[in-house]
Amino acid sequence: MELIFYNLAILIVAYLLGSINTSIIVSKIMIGDDIRNHGSGNAGATNTLRTVGKKGALFVVLGDVLKTVIAIVVARLISPDNNQATYIAGIGAVLGHNFPVYFKFRGGKGIIVSTVAMLFADSIIGLFVVIISIGIMAASRYVSLGSISGAVLFVVFSIIFHGQTPDFIVFALILAVLAIYMHRGNIKRLLSGTENKLSFGKKN
């Protein structure tokens, strides 16, 4: 019962931290408008890069990483089970980022947040997934394709290397399902050949 209480508290705290959407905050400061009114309408680093520029995107990446790290570190400090704390805090932060309570539940797609959580859960697997995903993005110039591929690979590696750890596999599956669900529009555009490719504009 005590562990359930800890886990519930971790989920709530991580969700609230994840709901601090850096992209929306940065866009309002730098261009005076909500990022969701521009580009793809997504409140994440890629749309910030296209709409606000490289500097804005850097702030978003740093903000997303920081809030996830804080959520997981706090979770580990208050929970007697570091592994479960990491999984639950990671999921909570992703849910907050994707469906932020402070911004009418319209957020980003949670890839940076998921990546940080993945690296905390298993740094070696996480690093391999990140390298492969970046390679796919670089080769195809489709951020969405790299993100979706990374989510699927994380599940595959989890089954291979954590087959005896059901909690880890459930964690990986939840992150993958959330990532794929948030990219459902991108998947349709990839299949139809209308997905936007990543390009670095003149903004800085």
N, C-alpha and C. Protein backbone atom coordinates (compact mmCIF):
# COMPACT_ATOMS: atom_id res chain seq x y z
N MET A 1 0.83 -1.21 0.00
CA MET A 1 0.00 0.00 0.00
C MET A 1 0.87 1.27 0.00
N GLU A 2 1.97 1.22 0.76
CA GLU A 2 2.86 2.38 0.83
C GLU A 2 3.49 2.65 -0.53
N LEU A 3 3.91 1.56 -1.22
CA LEU A 3 4.52 1.73 -2.54
C LEU A 3 3.53 2.29 -3.54
N ILE A 4 2.27 1.87 -3.44
CA ILE A 4 1.22 2.41 -4.32
C ILE A 4 1.08 3.91 -4.12
N PHE A 5 1.11 4.32 -2.86
CA PHE A 5 1.01 5.76 -2.55
C PHE A 5 2.17 6.52 -3.18
N TYR A 6 3.39 5.99 -3.00
CA TYR A 6 4.57 6.63 -3.59
C TYR A 6 4.43 6.73 -5.10
N ASN A 7 4.02 5.65 -5.72
CA ASN A 7 3.91 5.63 -7.18
C ASN A 7 2.87 6.62 -7.69
N LEU A 8 1.75 6.72 -6.98
CA LEU A 8 0.71 7.68 -7.36
C LEU A 8 1.21 9.10 -7.22
N ALA A 9 1.92 9.37 -6.13
CA ALA A 9 2.48 10.70 -5.90
C ALA A 9 3.50 11.04 -7.00
N ILE A 10 4.32 10.08 -7.35
CA ILE A 10 5.33 10.28 -8.40
C ILE A 10 4.66 10.57 -9.74
N LEU A 11 3.62 9.82 -10.06
CA LEU A 11 2.91 10.01 -11.33
C LEU A 11 2.33 11.42 -11.41
N ILE A 12 1.73 11.88 -10.32
CA ILE A 12 1.10 13.20 -10.30
C ILE A 12 2.14 14.30 -10.41
N VAL A 13 3.21 14.20 -9.61
CA VAL A 13 4.26 15.22 -9.64
C VAL A 13 4.93 15.27 -11.01
N ALA A 14 5.23 14.11 -11.57
CA ALA A 14 5.87 14.06 -12.89
C ALA A 14 4.94 14.63 -13.97
N TYR A 15 3.66 14.32 -13.86
CA TYR A 15 2.69 14.86 -14.83
C TYR A 15 2.66 16.39 -14.77
N LEU A 16 2.65 16.93 -13.57
CA LEU A 16 2.60 18.39 -13.41
C LEU A 16 3.87 19.05 -13.92
N LEU A 17 5.01 18.41 -13.68
CA LEU A 17 6.27 18.94 -14.22
C LEU A 17 6.30 18.82 -15.74
N GLY A 18 5.85 17.69 -16.25
CA GLY A 18 5.81 17.49 -17.70
C GLY A 18 4.89 18.47 -18.39
N SER A 19 3.87 18.94 -17.67
CA SER A 19 2.90 19.87 -18.26
C SER A 19 3.47 21.26 -18.49
N ILE A 20 4.66 21.52 -17.94
CA ILE A 20 5.32 22.81 -18.19
C ILE A 20 5.88 22.75 -19.61
N ASN A 21 5.12 23.19 -20.57
CA ASN A 21 5.50 23.05 -21.97
C ASN A 21 6.42 24.19 -22.40
N THR A 22 7.70 23.87 -22.55
CA THR A 22 8.71 24.88 -22.87
C THR A 22 8.46 25.52 -24.23
N SER A 23 7.97 24.74 -25.17
CA SER A 23 7.75 25.26 -26.52
C SER A 23 6.73 26.40 -26.52
N ILE A 24 5.65 26.21 -25.80
CA ILE A 24 4.62 27.25 -25.73
C ILE A 24 5.16 28.49 -25.04
N ILE A 25 5.88 28.28 -23.94
CA ILE A 25 6.45 29.40 -23.19
C ILE A 25 7.46 30.17 -24.03
N VAL A 26 8.37 29.43 -24.69
CA VAL A 26 9.41 30.07 -25.51
C VAL A 26 8.79 30.84 -26.67
N SER A 27 7.80 30.26 -27.33
CA SER A 27 7.20 30.94 -28.48
C SER A 27 6.49 32.22 -28.06
N LYS A 28 5.84 32.19 -26.90
CA LYS A 28 5.15 33.40 -26.43
C LYS A 28 6.15 34.50 -26.10
N ILE A 29 7.32 34.10 -25.60
CA ILE A 29 8.36 35.09 -25.27
C ILE A 29 9.05 35.60 -26.53
N MET A 30 9.39 34.70 -27.45
CA MET A 30 10.22 35.07 -28.59
C MET A 30 9.46 35.63 -29.79
N ILE A 31 8.23 35.14 -30.02
CA ILE A 31 7.47 35.67 -31.16
C ILE A 31 6.13 36.27 -30.75
N GLY A 32 5.87 36.23 -29.45
CA GLY A 32 4.65 36.85 -28.93
C GLY A 32 3.38 36.11 -29.27
N ASP A 33 3.49 34.82 -29.57
CA ASP A 33 2.30 34.04 -29.92
C ASP A 33 2.52 32.58 -29.53
N ASP A 34 1.42 31.85 -29.46
CA ASP A 34 1.44 30.44 -29.11
C ASP A 34 1.93 29.61 -30.30
N ILE A 35 2.92 28.78 -30.08
CA ILE A 35 3.49 27.94 -31.14
C ILE A 35 2.43 27.08 -31.81
N ARG A 36 1.36 26.77 -31.07
CA ARG A 36 0.32 25.91 -31.62
C ARG A 36 -0.51 26.60 -32.71
N ASN A 37 -0.31 27.91 -32.85
CA ASN A 37 -0.97 28.66 -33.92
C ASN A 37 -0.13 28.72 -35.20
N HIS A 38 1.01 28.03 -35.18
CA HIS A 38 1.93 28.12 -36.31
C HIS A 38 2.39 26.74 -36.77
N GLY A 39 2.85 26.68 -38.01
CA GLY A 39 3.43 25.46 -38.55
C GLY A 39 2.51 24.27 -38.44
N SER A 40 3.03 23.20 -37.86
CA SER A 40 2.26 21.96 -37.72
C SER A 40 1.24 22.04 -36.59
N GLY A 41 1.35 23.08 -35.76
CA GLY A 41 0.45 23.20 -34.61
C GLY A 41 0.91 22.40 -33.41
N ASN A 42 2.05 21.73 -33.54
CA ASN A 42 2.57 20.91 -32.45
C ASN A 42 3.46 21.74 -31.53
N ALA A 43 3.30 21.55 -30.23
CA ALA A 43 4.09 22.30 -29.25
C ALA A 43 5.33 21.51 -28.88
N GLY A 44 6.28 21.44 -29.82
CA GLY A 44 7.49 20.68 -29.58
C GLY A 44 8.70 21.34 -30.23
N ALA A 45 9.85 20.71 -30.09
CA ALA A 45 11.11 21.30 -30.55
C ALA A 45 11.17 21.45 -32.07
N THR A 46 10.65 20.46 -32.82
CA THR A 46 10.75 20.53 -34.29
C THR A 46 9.94 21.70 -34.84
N ASN A 47 8.72 21.86 -34.37
CA ASN A 47 7.90 22.97 -34.84
C ASN A 47 8.48 24.31 -34.38
N THR A 48 9.10 24.32 -33.21
CA THR A 48 9.76 25.53 -32.72
C THR A 48 10.94 25.88 -33.62
N LEU A 49 11.70 24.88 -34.04
CA LEU A 49 12.82 25.10 -34.95
C LEU A 49 12.34 25.73 -36.25
N ARG A 50 11.27 25.19 -36.80
CA ARG A 50 10.75 25.69 -38.07
C ARG A 50 10.13 27.08 -37.93
N THR A 51 9.50 27.34 -36.78
CA THR A 51 8.73 28.57 -36.61
C THR A 51 9.51 29.69 -35.93
N VAL A 52 10.22 29.34 -34.88
CA VAL A 52 10.92 30.35 -34.08
C VAL A 52 12.40 30.45 -34.45
N GLY A 53 13.01 29.32 -34.75
CA GLY A 53 14.43 29.32 -35.10
C GLY A 53 15.26 28.44 -34.21
N LYS A 54 16.56 28.38 -34.49
CA LYS A 54 17.46 27.47 -33.79
C LYS A 54 17.58 27.80 -32.31
N LYS A 55 17.67 29.08 -31.99
CA LYS A 55 17.84 29.47 -30.59
C LYS A 55 16.61 29.06 -29.77
N GLY A 56 15.45 29.30 -30.32
CA GLY A 56 14.21 28.90 -29.63
C GLY A 56 14.14 27.40 -29.45
N ALA A 57 14.51 26.65 -30.49
CA ALA A 57 14.49 25.19 -30.41
C ALA A 57 15.46 24.68 -29.35
N LEU A 58 16.62 25.33 -29.24
CA LEU A 58 17.61 24.93 -28.23
C LEU A 58 17.03 25.11 -26.83
N PHE A 59 16.37 26.23 -26.60
CA PHE A 59 15.74 26.47 -25.30
C PHE A 59 14.69 25.40 -24.99
N VAL A 60 13.95 25.01 -26.01
CA VAL A 60 12.90 23.99 -25.83
C VAL A 60 13.53 22.65 -25.47
N VAL A 61 14.58 22.26 -26.19
CA VAL A 61 15.25 21.00 -25.89
C VAL A 61 15.78 21.00 -24.46
N LEU A 62 16.44 22.08 -24.07
CA LEU A 62 16.99 22.17 -22.72
C LEU A 62 15.88 22.12 -21.67
N GLY A 63 14.79 22.81 -21.94
CA GLY A 63 13.67 22.82 -21.00
C GLY A 63 13.03 21.45 -20.85
N ASP A 64 12.84 20.76 -21.98
CA ASP A 64 12.23 19.43 -21.94
C ASP A 64 13.13 18.43 -21.21
N VAL A 65 14.43 18.53 -21.47
CA VAL A 65 15.38 17.64 -20.78
C VAL A 65 15.36 17.93 -19.28
N LEU A 66 15.42 19.21 -18.93
CA LEU A 66 15.50 19.59 -17.52
C LEU A 66 14.28 19.13 -16.72
N LYS A 67 13.08 19.35 -17.26
CA LYS A 67 11.89 18.98 -16.50
C LYS A 67 11.79 17.46 -16.31
N THR A 68 12.27 16.71 -17.30
CA THR A 68 12.24 15.25 -17.19
C THR A 68 13.26 14.77 -16.16
N VAL A 69 14.45 15.35 -16.21
CA VAL A 69 15.49 14.98 -15.24
C VAL A 69 15.02 15.28 -13.82
N ILE A 70 14.43 16.45 -13.62
CA ILE A 70 13.93 16.81 -12.29
C ILE A 70 12.87 15.83 -11.83
N ALA A 71 11.93 15.50 -12.73
CA ALA A 71 10.85 14.57 -12.38
C ALA A 71 11.40 13.22 -11.94
N ILE A 72 12.38 12.70 -12.68
CA ILE A 72 12.92 11.38 -12.37
C ILE A 72 13.80 11.41 -11.13
N VAL A 73 14.61 12.44 -10.98
CA VAL A 73 15.47 12.55 -9.79
C VAL A 73 14.63 12.67 -8.53
N VAL A 74 13.61 13.52 -8.57
CA VAL A 74 12.72 13.66 -7.41
C VAL A 74 12.04 12.33 -7.10
N ALA A 75 11.59 11.64 -8.15
CA ALA A 75 10.93 10.35 -7.97
C ALA A 75 11.86 9.35 -7.28
N ARG A 76 13.11 9.33 -7.71
CA ARG A 76 14.07 8.39 -7.12
C ARG A 76 14.38 8.73 -5.67
N LEU A 77 14.31 10.00 -5.35
CA LEU A 77 14.60 10.43 -3.98
C LEU A 77 13.49 10.04 -3.00
N ILE A 78 12.25 10.04 -3.49
CA ILE A 78 11.13 9.79 -2.56
C ILE A 78 10.63 8.35 -2.60
N SER A 79 11.07 7.57 -3.60
CA SER A 79 10.57 6.19 -3.71
C SER A 79 11.60 5.18 -3.23
N PRO A 80 11.16 4.11 -2.60
CA PRO A 80 12.08 3.05 -2.18
C PRO A 80 12.50 2.14 -3.35
N ASP A 81 11.88 2.30 -4.51
CA ASP A 81 12.19 1.47 -5.67
C ASP A 81 12.60 2.38 -6.83
N ASN A 82 13.91 2.51 -7.05
CA ASN A 82 14.41 3.43 -8.07
C ASN A 82 13.96 3.08 -9.48
N ASN A 83 13.89 1.79 -9.77
CA ASN A 83 13.48 1.39 -11.12
C ASN A 83 12.03 1.77 -11.40
N GLN A 84 11.13 1.38 -10.51
CA GLN A 84 9.72 1.73 -10.69
C GLN A 84 9.54 3.25 -10.71
N ALA A 85 10.30 3.93 -9.86
CA ALA A 85 10.21 5.40 -9.81
C ALA A 85 10.57 6.01 -11.16
N THR A 86 11.60 5.47 -11.79
CA THR A 86 12.03 5.96 -13.10
C THR A 86 10.96 5.73 -14.16
N TYR A 87 10.41 4.52 -14.18
CA TYR A 87 9.39 4.19 -15.18
C TYR A 87 8.15 5.07 -15.01
N ILE A 88 7.68 5.19 -13.78
CA ILE A 88 6.44 5.93 -13.54
C ILE A 88 6.63 7.42 -13.77
N ALA A 89 7.77 7.96 -13.31
CA ALA A 89 8.05 9.38 -13.52
C ALA A 89 8.21 9.68 -15.01
N GLY A 90 8.85 8.78 -15.74
CA GLY A 90 9.01 8.97 -17.17
C GLY A 90 7.68 9.01 -17.89
N ILE A 91 6.82 8.07 -17.55
CA ILE A 91 5.49 8.02 -18.17
C ILE A 91 4.68 9.26 -17.79
N GLY A 92 4.74 9.65 -16.52
CA GLY A 92 4.02 10.83 -16.06
C GLY A 92 4.47 12.09 -16.77
N ALA A 93 5.79 12.24 -16.95
CA ALA A 93 6.32 13.42 -17.62
C ALA A 93 5.90 13.47 -19.09
N VAL A 94 5.89 12.31 -19.74
CA VAL A 94 5.45 12.26 -21.14
C VAL A 94 3.97 12.62 -21.26
N LEU A 95 3.16 12.06 -20.37
CA LEU A 95 1.73 12.38 -20.39
C LEU A 95 1.50 13.87 -20.17
N GLY A 96 2.26 14.46 -19.25
CA GLY A 96 2.14 15.89 -19.00
C GLY A 96 2.55 16.71 -20.21
N HIS A 97 3.63 16.30 -20.84
CA HIS A 97 4.11 17.02 -22.02
C HIS A 97 3.10 16.94 -23.16
N ASN A 98 2.55 15.75 -23.36
CA ASN A 98 1.60 15.54 -24.48
C ASN A 98 0.24 16.17 -24.20
N PHE A 99 -0.17 16.09 -22.94
CA PHE A 99 -1.51 16.58 -22.56
C PHE A 99 -1.39 17.50 -21.34
N PRO A 100 -0.78 18.69 -21.52
CA PRO A 100 -0.48 19.57 -20.39
C PRO A 100 -1.72 20.21 -19.76
N VAL A 101 -1.84 20.05 -18.47
CA VAL A 101 -2.99 20.58 -17.75
C VAL A 101 -3.02 22.11 -17.79
N TYR A 102 -1.84 22.73 -17.91
CA TYR A 102 -1.76 24.20 -17.91
C TYR A 102 -2.11 24.81 -19.27
N PHE A 103 -2.14 23.99 -20.30
CA PHE A 103 -2.32 24.51 -21.67
C PHE A 103 -3.43 23.78 -22.41
N LYS A 104 -4.53 23.54 -21.73
CA LYS A 104 -5.73 22.95 -22.32
C LYS A 104 -5.48 21.57 -22.93
N PHE A 105 -4.51 20.85 -22.36
CA PHE A 105 -4.23 19.46 -22.74
C PHE A 105 -3.76 19.29 -24.19
N ARG A 106 -3.23 20.36 -24.79
CA ARG A 106 -2.67 20.29 -26.14
C ARG A 106 -1.19 20.60 -26.08
N GLY A 107 -0.38 19.56 -26.16
CA GLY A 107 1.06 19.76 -26.03
C GLY A 107 1.84 19.23 -27.21
N GLY A 108 2.99 18.65 -26.90
CA GLY A 108 3.86 18.12 -27.94
C GLY A 108 3.70 16.63 -28.12
N LYS A 109 4.73 16.01 -28.65
CA LYS A 109 4.66 14.57 -28.94
C LYS A 109 5.53 13.74 -28.00
N GLY A 110 6.26 14.41 -27.13
CA GLY A 110 6.94 13.73 -26.04
C GLY A 110 8.19 12.96 -26.38
N ILE A 111 8.81 13.20 -27.53
CA ILE A 111 9.96 12.39 -27.93
C ILE A 111 11.20 12.72 -27.09
N ILE A 112 11.48 14.00 -26.87
CA ILE A 112 12.64 14.35 -26.05
C ILE A 112 12.45 13.86 -24.62
N VAL A 113 11.25 14.05 -24.09
CA VAL A 113 10.95 13.59 -22.73
C VAL A 113 11.09 12.07 -22.65
N SER A 114 10.55 11.37 -23.64
CA SER A 114 10.67 9.91 -23.69
C SER A 114 12.13 9.46 -23.77
N THR A 115 12.91 10.19 -24.54
CA THR A 115 14.32 9.84 -24.70
C THR A 115 15.08 9.95 -23.38
N VAL A 116 14.83 11.02 -22.65
CA VAL A 116 15.48 11.20 -21.35
C VAL A 116 15.08 10.07 -20.40
N ALA A 117 13.79 9.75 -20.37
CA ALA A 117 13.31 8.67 -19.52
C ALA A 117 13.94 7.34 -19.91
N MET A 118 14.05 7.10 -21.20
CA MET A 118 14.66 5.88 -21.72
C MET A 118 16.12 5.77 -21.31
N LEU A 119 16.85 6.88 -21.38
CA LEU A 119 18.26 6.89 -21.00
C LEU A 119 18.45 6.64 -19.50
N PHE A 120 17.54 7.15 -18.70
CA PHE A 120 17.59 6.88 -17.26
C PHE A 120 17.30 5.40 -16.98
N ALA A 121 16.36 4.84 -17.72
CA ALA A 121 15.96 3.45 -17.48
C ALA A 121 17.05 2.47 -17.88
N ASP A 122 17.69 2.71 -19.02
CA ASP A 122 18.80 1.86 -19.48
C ASP A 122 19.63 2.70 -20.44
N SER A 123 20.74 3.23 -19.93
CA SER A 123 21.54 4.17 -20.72
C SER A 123 22.13 3.55 -21.97
N ILE A 124 22.48 2.27 -21.92
CA ILE A 124 23.11 1.62 -23.08
C ILE A 124 22.09 1.43 -24.20
N ILE A 125 20.94 0.84 -23.86
CA ILE A 125 19.89 0.67 -24.86
C ILE A 125 19.45 2.04 -25.38
N GLY A 126 19.28 2.98 -24.45
CA GLY A 126 18.84 4.32 -24.83
C GLY A 126 19.80 4.96 -25.81
N LEU A 127 21.10 4.81 -25.57
CA LEU A 127 22.09 5.41 -26.45
C LEU A 127 22.04 4.80 -27.85
N PHE A 128 21.89 3.48 -27.92
CA PHE A 128 21.77 2.81 -29.22
C PHE A 128 20.54 3.31 -29.97
N VAL A 129 19.42 3.42 -29.26
CA VAL A 129 18.18 3.88 -29.90
C VAL A 129 18.34 5.31 -30.41
N VAL A 130 18.97 6.17 -29.61
CA VAL A 130 19.18 7.56 -30.01
C VAL A 130 20.05 7.63 -31.26
N ILE A 131 21.15 6.88 -31.28
CA ILE A 131 22.06 6.90 -32.42
C ILE A 131 21.37 6.43 -33.70
N ILE A 132 20.63 5.33 -33.59
CA ILE A 132 19.93 4.80 -34.77
C ILE A 132 18.85 5.77 -35.24
N SER A 133 18.11 6.34 -34.29
CA SER A 133 17.04 7.28 -34.64
C SER A 133 17.60 8.52 -35.34
N ILE A 134 18.69 9.04 -34.80
CA ILE A 134 19.32 10.22 -35.43
C ILE A 134 19.81 9.87 -36.83
N GLY A 135 20.35 8.65 -36.98
CA GLY A 135 20.80 8.20 -38.29
C GLY A 135 19.66 8.15 -39.29
N ILE A 136 18.51 7.65 -38.85
CA ILE A 136 17.32 7.59 -39.72
C ILE A 136 16.84 9.00 -40.07
N MET A 137 16.84 9.89 -39.08
CA MET A 137 16.44 11.28 -39.33
C MET A 137 17.37 11.95 -40.33
N ALA A 138 18.68 11.73 -40.14
CA ALA A 138 19.67 12.36 -41.02
C ALA A 138 19.56 11.83 -42.45
N ALA A 139 19.34 10.52 -42.57
CA ALA A 139 19.27 9.91 -43.91
C ALA A 139 17.98 10.28 -44.64
N SER A 140 16.87 10.32 -43.90
CA SER A 140 15.57 10.55 -44.53
C SER A 140 15.12 12.00 -44.45
N ARG A 141 15.67 12.73 -43.48
CA ARG A 141 15.26 14.11 -43.15
C ARG A 141 13.82 14.16 -42.65
N TYR A 142 13.31 13.03 -42.21
CA TYR A 142 11.99 12.98 -41.58
C TYR A 142 12.19 12.76 -40.08
N VAL A 143 11.93 13.80 -39.29
CA VAL A 143 12.04 13.68 -37.84
C VAL A 143 11.05 12.65 -37.32
N SER A 144 9.86 12.66 -37.87
CA SER A 144 8.81 11.75 -37.42
C SER A 144 9.21 10.29 -37.64
N LEU A 145 9.84 9.99 -38.77
CA LEU A 145 10.24 8.62 -39.07
C LEU A 145 11.29 8.14 -38.07
N GLY A 146 12.24 9.00 -37.75
CA GLY A 146 13.25 8.64 -36.75
C GLY A 146 12.64 8.44 -35.39
N SER A 147 11.68 9.29 -35.04
CA SER A 147 11.03 9.20 -33.73
C SER A 147 10.22 7.91 -33.59
N ILE A 148 9.44 7.60 -34.61
CA ILE A 148 8.61 6.39 -34.59
C ILE A 148 9.50 5.15 -34.58
N SER A 149 10.54 5.16 -35.40
CA SER A 149 11.46 4.02 -35.45
C SER A 149 12.12 3.81 -34.10
N GLY A 150 12.50 4.90 -33.45
CA GLY A 150 13.14 4.81 -32.14
C GLY A 150 12.21 4.20 -31.11
N ALA A 151 10.95 4.58 -31.15
CA ALA A 151 9.97 4.03 -30.20
C ALA A 151 9.81 2.53 -30.38
N VAL A 152 9.74 2.10 -31.63
CA VAL A 152 9.60 0.66 -31.92
C VAL A 152 10.87 -0.09 -31.52
N LEU A 153 12.03 0.47 -31.84
CA LEU A 153 13.30 -0.17 -31.50
C LEU A 153 13.46 -0.33 -29.99
N PHE A 154 13.01 0.66 -29.24
CA PHE A 154 13.12 0.59 -27.78
C PHE A 154 12.34 -0.62 -27.25
N VAL A 155 11.18 -0.86 -27.81
CA VAL A 155 10.39 -2.04 -27.40
C VAL A 155 11.12 -3.32 -27.78
N VAL A 156 11.64 -3.37 -28.98
CA VAL A 156 12.35 -4.57 -29.45
C VAL A 156 13.56 -4.87 -28.56
N PHE A 157 14.37 -3.84 -28.29
CA PHE A 157 15.54 -4.03 -27.44
C PHE A 157 15.14 -4.39 -26.01
N SER A 158 14.03 -3.84 -25.56
CA SER A 158 13.55 -4.14 -24.21
C SER A 158 13.19 -5.62 -24.08
N ILE A 159 12.52 -6.14 -25.08
CA ILE A 159 12.13 -7.56 -25.07
C ILE A 159 13.37 -8.46 -25.13
N ILE A 160 14.35 -8.04 -25.94
CA ILE A 160 15.57 -8.84 -26.08
C ILE A 160 16.42 -8.84 -24.82
N PHE A 161 16.63 -7.65 -24.24
CA PHE A 161 17.57 -7.52 -23.13
C PHE A 161 16.91 -7.44 -21.75
N HIS A 162 15.60 -7.23 -21.71
CA HIS A 162 14.91 -7.17 -20.42
C HIS A 162 13.71 -8.12 -20.41
N GLY A 163 13.88 -9.25 -21.07
CA GLY A 163 12.77 -10.21 -21.17
C GLY A 163 12.28 -10.72 -19.84
N GLN A 164 13.14 -10.68 -18.83
CA GLN A 164 12.76 -11.15 -17.50
C GLN A 164 12.32 -10.01 -16.59
N THR A 165 12.14 -8.83 -17.18
CA THR A 165 11.74 -7.65 -16.38
C THR A 165 10.45 -7.07 -16.95
N PRO A 166 9.31 -7.61 -16.55
CA PRO A 166 8.02 -7.17 -17.11
C PRO A 166 7.78 -5.67 -16.95
N ASP A 167 8.20 -5.09 -15.82
CA ASP A 167 7.98 -3.66 -15.60
C ASP A 167 8.67 -2.82 -16.67
N PHE A 168 9.86 -3.23 -17.04
CA PHE A 168 10.62 -2.48 -18.04
C PHE A 168 9.92 -2.58 -19.40
N ILE A 169 9.47 -3.76 -19.75
CA ILE A 169 8.80 -3.95 -21.04
C ILE A 169 7.50 -3.16 -21.09
N VAL A 170 6.75 -3.14 -20.01
CA VAL A 170 5.50 -2.36 -19.96
C VAL A 170 5.82 -0.87 -20.13
N PHE A 171 6.87 -0.42 -19.46
CA PHE A 171 7.33 0.96 -19.58
C PHE A 171 7.64 1.30 -21.04
N ALA A 172 8.40 0.43 -21.69
CA ALA A 172 8.78 0.65 -23.09
C ALA A 172 7.54 0.66 -24.00
N LEU A 173 6.63 -0.27 -23.75
CA LEU A 173 5.41 -0.35 -24.56
C LEU A 173 4.56 0.90 -24.42
N ILE A 174 4.42 1.40 -23.19
CA ILE A 174 3.61 2.60 -22.97
C ILE A 174 4.22 3.80 -23.69
N LEU A 175 5.54 3.96 -23.57
CA LEU A 175 6.20 5.07 -24.27
C LEU A 175 6.02 4.94 -25.78
N ALA A 176 6.14 3.72 -26.30
CA ALA A 176 5.99 3.51 -27.74
C ALA A 176 4.57 3.79 -28.21
N VAL A 177 3.60 3.31 -27.47
CA VAL A 177 2.19 3.54 -27.84
C VAL A 177 1.89 5.04 -27.85
N LEU A 178 2.37 5.76 -26.83
CA LEU A 178 2.15 7.20 -26.77
C LEU A 178 2.81 7.90 -27.95
N ALA A 179 4.05 7.50 -28.26
CA ALA A 179 4.77 8.12 -29.38
C ALA A 179 4.06 7.89 -30.71
N ILE A 180 3.65 6.65 -30.93
CA ILE A 180 2.98 6.32 -32.20
C ILE A 180 1.63 7.02 -32.29
N TYR A 181 0.90 7.05 -31.18
CA TYR A 181 -0.40 7.73 -31.17
C TYR A 181 -0.24 9.22 -31.49
N MET A 182 0.76 9.86 -30.89
CA MET A 182 0.97 11.28 -31.11
C MET A 182 1.46 11.57 -32.53
N HIS A 183 2.01 10.55 -33.19
CA HIS A 183 2.50 10.71 -34.56
C HIS A 183 1.54 10.14 -35.61
N ARG A 184 0.31 9.88 -35.21
CA ARG A 184 -0.62 9.23 -36.15
C ARG A 184 -0.83 10.07 -37.42
N GLY A 185 -0.87 11.39 -37.28
CA GLY A 185 -1.00 12.26 -38.44
C GLY A 185 0.24 12.19 -39.32
N ASN A 186 1.40 12.14 -38.67
CA ASN A 186 2.66 12.04 -39.42
C ASN A 186 2.74 10.73 -40.19
N ILE A 187 2.25 9.66 -39.57
CA ILE A 187 2.27 8.35 -40.24
C ILE A 187 1.44 8.40 -41.52
N LYS A 188 0.27 9.02 -41.44
CA LYS A 188 -0.57 9.16 -42.63
C LYS A 188 0.15 9.95 -43.72
N ARG A 189 0.82 11.02 -43.32
CA ARG A 189 1.53 11.85 -44.30
C ARG A 189 2.75 11.13 -44.86
N LEU A 190 3.42 10.34 -44.03
CA LEU A 190 4.56 9.55 -44.53
C LEU A 190 4.09 8.56 -45.59
N LEU A 191 2.97 7.92 -45.33
CA LEU A 191 2.44 6.93 -46.26
C LEU A 191 1.96 7.57 -47.56
N SER A 192 1.49 8.81 -47.45
CA SER A 192 0.99 9.49 -48.65
C SER A 192 2.07 10.32 -49.34
N GLY A 193 3.24 10.40 -48.72
CA GLY A 193 4.35 11.16 -49.31
C GLY A 193 4.24 12.66 -49.14
N THR A 194 3.45 13.11 -48.17
CA THR A 194 3.25 14.55 -47.99
C THR A 194 3.87 15.07 -46.69
N GLU A 195 4.62 14.23 -45.99
CA GLU A 195 5.24 14.65 -44.74
C GLU A 195 6.34 15.68 -45.01
N ASN A 196 6.43 16.70 -44.15
CA ASN A 196 7.45 17.73 -44.30
C ASN A 196 8.81 17.20 -43.87
N LYS A 197 9.83 17.50 -44.66
CA LYS A 197 11.19 17.12 -44.30
C LYS A 197 11.83 18.22 -43.45
N LEU A 198 12.77 17.82 -42.64
CA LEU A 198 13.46 18.78 -41.78
C LEU A 198 14.41 19.61 -42.61
N SER A 199 14.34 20.92 -42.43
CA SER A 199 15.29 21.80 -43.09
C SER A 199 15.62 22.94 -42.13
N PHE A 200 16.86 23.35 -42.13
CA PHE A 200 17.28 24.44 -41.27
C PHE A 200 17.13 25.74 -42.03
N GLY A 201 16.16 26.53 -41.59
CA GLY A 201 15.89 27.79 -42.27
C GLY A 201 16.91 28.86 -41.90
N LYS A 202 16.59 30.09 -42.25
CA LYS A 202 17.50 31.19 -42.01
C LYS A 202 17.36 31.78 -40.61
N LYS A 203 16.33 31.34 -39.88
CA LYS A 203 16.15 31.87 -38.54
C LYS A 203 17.26 31.36 -37.64
N ASN A 204 17.60 32.18 -36.62
CA ASN A 204 18.66 31.74 -35.71
C ASN A 204 18.29 32.00 -34.27
